């Protein structure tokens, strides 16, 4: 099984060619990394259950999400958004 840091690296690399990169982890966590015109977004979701605080913290660190990224939630998804100039 690939390490999360390797998955994050591959997803960032793929974002150089595409506007979105998606992966599903063995534990059911779905990851989407989006390249928008002025921002990046990291979507964390799992069917029927919102991702836990530890998962969110680990993903923030591994994907390099700035501490001041905007966070929004719905029933099963966390979206972290930050300006592209903060890369």
Protein backbone atom coordinates (compact mmCIF):
# COMPACT_ATOMS: atom_id res chain seq x y z
CA UNK A 1 0.00 0.00 0.00
CA UNK A 2 1.31 3.45 -0.92
CA UNK A 3 2.15 5.95 1.81
CA UNK A 4 -0.06 9.02 2.03
CA UNK A 5 2.95 11.24 1.30
CA UNK A 6 3.53 9.35 -1.97
CA UNK A 7 -0.15 9.65 -2.87
CA UNK A 8 -0.08 13.40 -2.16
CA UNK A 9 3.05 13.80 -4.29
CA UNK A 10 1.42 11.94 -7.18
CA UNK A 11 -1.78 13.97 -6.88
CA UNK A 12 0.12 17.29 -6.91
CA UNK A 13 2.09 16.08 -9.93
CA UNK A 14 -1.11 15.10 -11.74
CA UNK A 15 -2.56 18.55 -10.99
CA UNK A 16 0.13 19.96 -13.30
CA UNK A 17 -1.71 18.33 -16.23
CA UNK A 18 -5.31 18.34 -15.03
CA UNK A 19 -7.65 20.44 -12.90
CA UNK A 20 -8.54 17.64 -10.48
CA UNK A 21 -6.85 14.55 -9.09
CA UNK A 22 -8.79 11.83 -7.22
CA UNK A 23 -7.79 8.90 -5.05
CA UNK A 24 -9.61 6.54 -2.69
CA UNK A 25 -7.77 5.13 0.31
CA UNK A 26 -8.22 1.59 1.61
CA UNK A 27 -10.05 2.84 4.72
CA UNK A 28 -12.73 4.46 2.58
CA UNK A 29 -11.46 8.05 2.64
CA UNK A 30 -11.83 9.75 -0.75
CA UNK A 31 -9.39 12.52 -1.64
CA UNK A 32 -9.83 15.13 -4.36
CA UNK A 33 -7.30 17.85 -5.07
CA UNK A 34 -8.64 20.68 -7.24
CA UNK A 35 -6.80 23.40 -9.13
CA UNK A 36 -9.12 26.37 -9.56
CA UNK A 37 -8.32 29.63 -11.31
CA UNK A 38 -7.34 31.40 -8.10
CA UNK A 39 -7.26 28.67 -5.44
CA UNK A 40 -6.60 25.06 -4.56
CA UNK A 41 -9.09 22.85 -2.77
CA UNK A 42 -8.61 19.58 -0.95
CA UNK A 43 -11.84 17.59 -0.54
CA UNK A 44 -11.94 14.84 2.09
CA UNK A 45 -15.01 12.60 2.16
CA UNK A 46 -16.32 9.22 3.12
CA UNK A 47 -19.78 7.80 2.44
CA UNK A 48 -22.14 8.41 5.37
CA UNK A 49 -19.43 9.62 7.82
CA UNK A 50 -17.54 12.89 7.98
CA UNK A 51 -13.72 12.46 8.13
CA UNK A 52 -12.30 12.61 11.65
CA UNK A 53 -10.16 15.38 13.12
CA UNK A 54 -7.00 13.24 13.05
CA UNK A 55 -7.51 12.38 9.37
CA UNK A 56 -8.04 16.05 8.55
CA UNK A 57 -4.91 17.11 10.44
CA UNK A 58 -2.77 14.45 8.77
CA UNK A 59 -4.06 15.34 5.29
CA UNK A 60 -3.51 19.05 5.94
CA UNK A 61 0.11 18.37 6.85
CA UNK A 62 0.87 15.89 4.08
CA UNK A 63 -0.76 17.97 1.32
CA UNK A 64 0.83 21.20 2.56
CA UNK A 65 -2.45 22.98 3.27
CA UNK A 66 -1.70 26.36 4.89
CA UNK A 67 -2.96 26.80 8.48
CA UNK A 68 -5.26 29.66 7.45
CA UNK A 69 -7.03 27.69 4.69
CA UNK A 70 -10.79 28.21 4.62
CA UNK A 71 -12.70 25.14 5.82
CA UNK A 72 -16.26 24.22 4.94
CA UNK A 73 -18.18 21.09 5.93
CA UNK A 74 -21.28 19.27 4.91
CA UNK A 75 -22.61 15.94 6.16
CA UNK A 76 -19.82 13.80 4.71
CA UNK A 77 -17.23 16.16 3.19
CA UNK A 78 -14.60 18.60 4.41
CA UNK A 79 -13.33 21.16 1.89
CA UNK A 80 -10.11 23.06 2.54
CA UNK A 81 -9.51 26.03 0.22
CA UNK A 82 -6.54 28.36 -0.05
CA UNK A 83 -5.23 30.87 -2.60
CA UNK A 84 -2.90 29.47 -5.25
CA UNK A 85 -0.31 32.15 -4.52
CA UNK A 86 0.28 30.44 -1.14
CA UNK A 87 1.80 27.38 -2.86
